[in-house]
Every structure is written in structure tokens, then in C-alpha cells.
C-alpha atoms as a PDB file:
ATOM      1  CA  MET A   1       0.005  -0.151  -0.035  1.00  0.00           C
ATOM      2  CA  ALA A   2       2.766   2.433   0.756  1.00  0.00           C
ATOM      3  CA  ILE A   3       4.522   1.810  -2.365  1.00  0.00           C
ATOM      4  CA  ARG A   4       1.373   2.621  -4.514  1.00  0.00           C
ATOM      5  CA  LYS A   5       0.766   5.893  -2.275  1.00  0.00           C
ATOM      6  CA  ALA A   6       4.623   6.560  -3.080  1.00  0.00           C
ATOM      7  CA  GLU A   7       4.286   5.731  -7.210  1.00  0.00           C
ATOM      8  CA  LYS A   8       0.945   8.187  -6.883  1.00  0.00           C
ATOM      9  CA  VAL A   9       3.398  11.159  -5.653  1.00  0.00           C
ATOM     10  CA  ILE A  10       5.640  10.574  -8.368  1.00  0.00           C
ATOM     11  CA  GLN A  11       3.155  10.509 -10.962  1.00  0.00           C
ATOM     12  CA  LEU A  12       1.841  13.672  -9.842  1.00  0.00           C
ATOM     13  CA  ARG A  13       4.930  15.486 -10.150  1.00  0.00           C
ATOM     14  CA  ARG A  14       5.604  14.326 -13.546  1.00  0.00           C
ATOM     15  CA  ASP A  15       2.005  14.712 -15.093  1.00  0.00           C
ATOM     16  CA  THR A  16       2.545  17.191 -17.644  1.00  0.00           C
ATOM     17  CA  ARG A  17      -0.094  16.259 -20.440  1.00  0.00           C
ATOM     18  CA  PRO A  18      -1.846  19.564 -21.016  1.00  0.00           C
ATOM     19  CA  LEU A  19      -5.424  20.421 -19.750  1.00  0.00           C
ATOM     20  CA  ASP A  20      -6.794  19.544 -23.223  1.00  0.00           C
ATOM     21  CA  ALA A  21      -5.876  16.228 -22.851  1.00  0.00           C
ATOM     22  CA  ARG A  22      -7.589  15.876 -19.666  1.00  0.00           C
ATOM     23  CA  ILE A  23     -10.580  17.387 -20.604  1.00  0.00           C
ATOM     24  CA  ASP A  24     -10.397  14.449 -23.635  1.00  0.00           C
ATOM     25  CA  GLU A  25      -9.813  11.607 -21.187  1.00  0.00           C
ATOM     26  CA  TYR A  26     -12.642  13.106 -18.883  1.00  0.00           C
ATOM     27  CA  LEU A  27     -15.045  13.249 -21.614  1.00  0.00           C
ATOM     28  CA  ALA A  28     -13.988   9.676 -22.445  1.00  0.00           C
ATOM     29  CA  ASP A  29     -14.831   8.339 -18.930  1.00  0.00           C
ATOM     30  CA  ALA A  30     -17.980  10.311 -19.270  1.00  0.00           C
ATOM     31  CA  ARG A  31     -19.057   8.321 -22.300  1.00  0.00           C
ATOM     32  CA  ALA A  32     -17.751   4.860 -20.871  1.00  0.00           C
ATOM     33  CA  GLU A  33     -20.045   5.793 -17.762  1.00  0.00           C
ATOM     34  CA  GLY A  34     -23.001   5.852 -19.966  1.00  0.00           C
ATOM     35  CA  LEU A  35     -23.699   9.480 -19.860  1.00  0.00           C
ATOM     36  CA  LEU A  36     -25.875  10.595 -22.621  1.00  0.00           C
ATOM     37  CA  SER A  37     -24.326  12.161 -25.864  1.00  0.00           C
ATOM     38  CA  LYS A  38     -25.927  15.396 -25.095  1.00  0.00           C
ATOM     39  CA  THR A  39     -24.692  15.823 -21.575  1.00  0.00           C
ATOM     40  CA  VAL A  40     -21.087  14.780 -22.529  1.00  0.00           C
ATOM     41  CA  LYS A  41     -21.410  17.450 -25.364  1.00  0.00           C
ATOM     42  CA  PHE A  42     -22.493  19.885 -22.975  1.00  0.00           C
ATOM     43  CA  TYR A  43     -19.670  19.072 -20.529  1.00  0.00           C
ATOM     44  CA  GLU A  44     -17.266  19.805 -23.474  1.00  0.00           C
ATOM     45  CA  ALA A  45     -18.668  23.017 -24.325  1.00  0.00           C
ATOM     46  CA  VAL A  46     -18.542  24.442 -20.610  1.00  0.00           C
ATOM     47  CA  LEU A  47     -15.006  23.055 -19.988  1.00  0.00           C
ATOM     48  CA  ARG A  48     -13.485  23.861 -23.752  1.00  0.00           C
ATOM     49  CA  LYS A  49     -15.606  25.200 -26.424  1.00  0.00           C
ATOM     50  CA  GLN A  50     -17.888  27.810 -25.292  1.00  0.00           C
ATOM     51  CA  LYS A  51     -16.944  31.304 -24.771  1.00  0.00           C
ATOM     52  CA  GLY A  52     -16.523  31.771 -21.140  1.00  0.00           C
ATOM     53  CA  SER A  53     -14.949  27.952 -20.845  1.00  0.00           C
ATOM     54  CA  LEU A  54     -12.877  26.674 -18.214  1.00  0.00           C
ATOM     55  CA  LEU A  55     -10.236  26.505 -20.852  1.00  0.00           C
ATOM     56  CA  ASP A  56     -10.711  29.888 -21.886  1.00  0.00           C
ATOM     57  CA  TYR A  57     -10.203  31.254 -18.302  1.00  0.00           C
ATOM     58  CA  CYS A  58      -6.937  28.815 -18.218  1.00  0.00           C
ATOM     59  CA  LYS A  59      -5.495  30.178 -21.079  1.00  0.00           C
ATOM     60  CA  ASP A  60      -5.969  34.078 -20.014  1.00  0.00           C
ATOM     61  CA  GLN A  61      -4.340  32.984 -16.812  1.00  0.00           C
ATOM     62  CA  GLY A  62      -1.457  30.983 -18.274  1.00  0.00           C
ATOM     63  CA  VAL A  63      -2.600  27.853 -17.003  1.00  0.00           C
ATOM     64  CA  SER A  64      -2.190  24.825 -18.858  1.00  0.00           C
ATOM     65  CA  GLN A  65      -1.868  21.847 -16.673  1.00  0.00           C
ATOM     66  CA  LEU A  66      -4.522  20.422 -13.715  1.00  0.00           C
ATOM     67  CA  PRO A  67      -1.667  20.597 -11.263  1.00  0.00           C
ATOM     68  CA  LYS A  68      -1.503  24.258 -11.161  1.00  0.00           C
ATOM     69  CA  ILE A  69      -5.334  24.416 -10.236  1.00  0.00           C
ATOM     70  CA  ASP A  70      -6.007  25.575  -6.637  1.00  0.00           C
ATOM     71  CA  ALA A  71      -8.438  27.680  -4.350  1.00  0.00           C
ATOM     72  CA  ASP A  72      -7.356  31.059  -5.614  1.00  0.00           C
ATOM     73  CA  PHE A  73      -7.557  29.827  -9.364  1.00  0.00           C
ATOM     74  CA  LEU A  74     -11.062  28.679  -8.945  1.00  0.00           C
ATOM     75  CA  GLN A  75     -12.045  32.196  -6.576  1.00  0.00           C
ATOM     76  CA  GLY A  76     -10.808  34.015  -9.658  1.00  0.00           C
ATOM     77  CA  TRP A  77     -12.416  31.959 -12.040  1.00  0.00           C
ATOM     78  CA  LYS A  78     -15.937  32.285 -10.539  1.00  0.00           C
ATOM     79  CA  THR A  79     -15.366  36.082 -10.436  1.00  0.00           C
ATOM     80  CA  TRP A  80     -14.391  36.034 -14.257  1.00  0.00           C
ATOM     81  CA  LEU A  81     -17.253  34.066 -14.776  1.00  0.00           C
ATOM     82  CA  HIS A  82     -19.459  36.724 -12.944  1.00  0.00           C
ATOM     83  CA  GLU A  83     -18.125  39.276 -15.121  1.00  0.00           C
ATOM     84  CA  ARG A  84     -18.719  37.625 -18.594  1.00  0.00           C
ATOM     85  CA  PRO A  85     -21.531  39.112 -20.813  1.00  0.00           C
ATOM     86  CA  ALA A  86     -24.698  37.163 -21.595  1.00  0.00           C
ATOM     87  CA  TYR A  87     -24.732  35.230 -24.680  1.00  0.00           C
ATOM     88  CA  PRO A  88     -26.451  37.857 -27.359  1.00  0.00           C
ATOM     89  CA  MET A  89     -28.838  35.251 -28.910  1.00  0.00           C
ATOM     90  CA  HIS A  90     -29.966  31.751 -27.798  1.00  0.00           C
ATOM     91  CA  PRO A  91     -32.179  30.154 -30.751  1.00  0.00           C
ATOM     92  CA  GLY A  92     -35.762  31.313 -30.173  1.00  0.00           C
ATOM     93  CA  ASP A  93     -34.943  33.839 -27.826  1.00  0.00           C
ATOM     94  CA  GLU A  94     -34.925  37.511 -27.819  1.00  0.00           C
ATOM     95  CA  PRO A  95     -31.418  39.432 -27.858  1.00  0.00           C
ATOM     96  CA  ARG A  96     -29.963  39.435 -24.309  1.00  0.00           C
ATOM     97  CA  THR A  97     -27.663  41.919 -22.921  1.00  0.00           C
ATOM     98  CA  GLY A  98     -26.007  42.289 -19.252  1.00  0.00           C
ATOM     99  CA  GLN A  99     -24.068  39.473 -17.627  1.00  0.00           C
ATOM    100  CA  LEU A 100     -24.759  35.881 -17.913  1.00  0.00           C
ATOM    101  CA  SER A 101     -27.980  34.294 -15.890  1.00  0.00           C
ATOM    102  CA  LYS A 102     -27.489  33.244 -12.420  1.00  0.00           C
ATOM    103  CA  GLN A 103     -28.814  29.715 -13.761  1.00  0.00           C
ATOM    104  CA  THR A 104     -25.975  29.490 -16.230  1.00  0.00           C
ATOM    105  CA  LYS A 105     -23.192  30.626 -13.850  1.00  0.00           C
ATOM    106  CA  ALA A 106     -24.878  27.730 -11.640  1.00  0.00           C
ATOM    107  CA  THR A 107     -24.697  25.191 -14.508  1.00  0.00           C
ATOM    108  CA  TYR A 108     -21.179  26.078 -15.205  1.00  0.00           C
ATOM    109  CA  VAL A 109     -19.957  25.759 -11.590  1.00  0.00           C
ATOM    110  CA  ARG A 110     -21.319  22.253 -11.246  1.00  0.00           C
ATOM    111  CA  THR A 111     -20.094  21.107 -14.229  1.00  0.00           C
ATOM    112  CA  VAL A 112     -16.517  22.554 -13.583  1.00  0.00           C
ATOM    113  CA  LYS A 113     -16.794  20.905 -10.015  1.00  0.00           C
ATOM    114  CA  THR A 114     -17.638  17.555 -11.447  1.00  0.00           C
ATOM    115  CA  PHE A 115     -14.718  17.713 -13.616  1.00  0.00           C
ATOM    116  CA  LEU A 116     -12.215  18.805 -10.767  1.00  0.00           C
ATOM    117  CA  LYS A 117     -13.685  15.991  -8.681  1.00  0.00           C
ATOM    118  CA  TRP A 118     -13.118  13.414 -11.143  1.00  0.00           C
ATOM    119  CA  ALA A 119      -9.323  15.042 -11.990  1.00  0.00           C
ATOM    120  CA  LYS A 120      -8.964  14.968  -8.198  1.00  0.00           C
ATOM    121  CA  LYS A 121      -9.896  11.213  -7.763  1.00  0.00           C
ATOM    122  CA  GLU A 122      -7.407  10.120 -10.428  1.00  0.00           C
ATOM    123  CA  GLY A 123      -4.491  11.681  -9.008  1.00  0.00           C
ATOM    124  CA  TYR A 124      -4.148  14.687 -11.803  1.00  0.00           C
ATOM    125  CA  ALA A 125      -5.336  17.665  -9.467  1.00  0.00           C
ATOM    126  CA  PRO A 126      -3.601  17.809  -6.123  1.00  0.00           C
ATOM    127  CA  ASN A 127      -4.096  21.401  -5.367  1.00  0.00           C
ATOM    128  CA  VAL A 128      -7.679  21.464  -6.038  1.00  0.00           C
ATOM    129  CA  PRO A 129      -9.115  22.147  -2.557  1.00  0.00           C
ATOM    130  CA  ASP A 130     -12.202  20.433  -0.869  1.00  0.00           C
ATOM    131  CA  LEU A 131     -15.063  20.996  -3.660  1.00  0.00           C
ATOM    132  CA  ASP A 132     -17.730  21.203  -1.297  1.00  0.00           C
ATOM    133  CA  GLU A 133     -16.164  24.685  -0.099  1.00  0.00           C
ATOM    134  CA  VAL A 134     -16.823  25.699  -3.925  1.00  0.00           C
ATOM    135  CA  LYS A 135     -20.352  27.120  -3.807  1.00  0.00           C
ATOM    136  CA  VAL A 136     -22.772  27.011  -6.895  1.00  0.00           C
ATOM    137  CA  PRO A 137     -24.796  30.267  -7.005  1.00  0.00           C
ATOM    138  CA  LYS A 138     -28.333  29.905  -5.532  1.00  0.00           C
ATOM    139  CA  VAL A 139     -30.636  29.917  -8.640  1.00  0.00           C
ATOM    140  CA  PRO A 140     -34.303  31.290  -7.367  1.00  0.00           C
ATOM    141  CA  GLU A 141     -37.146  28.767  -8.456  1.00  0.00           C
ATOM    142  CA  GLU A 142     -39.187  30.630 -11.187  1.00  0.00           C
ATOM    143  CA  PRO A 143     -42.488  29.407 -12.345  1.00  0.00           C
ATOM    144  CA  TYR A 144     -42.169  28.443 -16.264  1.00  0.00           C
ATOM    145  CA  ASP A 145     -44.984  28.853 -18.497  1.00  0.00           C
ATOM    146  CA  VAL A 146     -45.348  25.816 -20.658  1.00  0.00           C
ATOM    147  CA  LEU A 147     -47.267  27.721 -23.456  1.00  0.00           C
ATOM    148  CA  THR A 148     -44.710  30.420 -23.943  1.00  0.00           C
ATOM    149  CA  LYS A 149     -41.662  28.570 -22.908  1.00  0.00           C
ATOM    150  CA  ARG A 150     -40.728  31.688 -20.587  1.00  0.00           C
ATOM    151  CA  ARG A 151     -39.905  31.740 -17.007  1.00  0.00           C
ATOM    152  CA  GLY A 152     -41.593  34.198 -14.834  1.00  0.00           C
END
């Protein structure tokens, strides 16, 4: 058992794979676990493809590997996410202005927490804090009108 722990510590120090490769690995694991294709595509969008993705913030901060993600990094990412502008147009919606909605931010935070929990469990993210301390923004429950497909 002590040998395995020592091997894991050595592996952590030598983990030089780029963050993008770890995201690929995570998405492959999600597919293997049987998550719906739509869910995996959403995870990929939040982690890598959409404006405001985790990878966008990492590039802005010069972070290219998981071991560099720590509590200060996560707090900075949440602040950065809070300042992101809303997507100007969603299919079927009216144009939007202002910041991302609380619901969007909460979904992003949950998705990134899930990814980082996976990375920590795999031994790739030793500096990630206890993710239970990373709070998901509260989203008030709004009634949904099924006829107009609008909230409120």
C-alpha cells in the first residue's frame, strides 16, 4: 500500500499532460460511464468550446495543466465568470444584454466541479481544494409557463 502511494506522488510530479488532453480523458470516461451524448457535449462546451469556458480562463491565466489549479485559481474563475457578458442570442429567444444568468453560472460551476472531482480522484489535480467549499450560485425557483416557454 505504501508503495502505491509513493507511485501516485511520483506520478503527480511528472504529470505534464496539457489540460486539453485531460478534458478529452474526462469526456471519454463520461461516455464510458454511459452518460447521454447530449450531456457529454454540454460538458465539453462548458470545459472547452464555449466562450467563457474553463479552458478560456486557463489560457487567460497561463494555466495549461491541472496541478496548477488551486483555491485561488477557482475563486478567480468564479469572479471572471460573474463578469462574462450574456450570450447575445439563443435560438428562439430575444436578444440579451448584461451578464450571464445565475442559472448559467450555476450550471458552469457544477460542471467544472464534476470535472475537478474526477481529476482529483484520478490524481491529476492535487492542489484542488475540497470542492464542497466551492459554492454553486443559488438560483431562485421561477414558475415556467409551458405555453410561452418562458420563466417568470
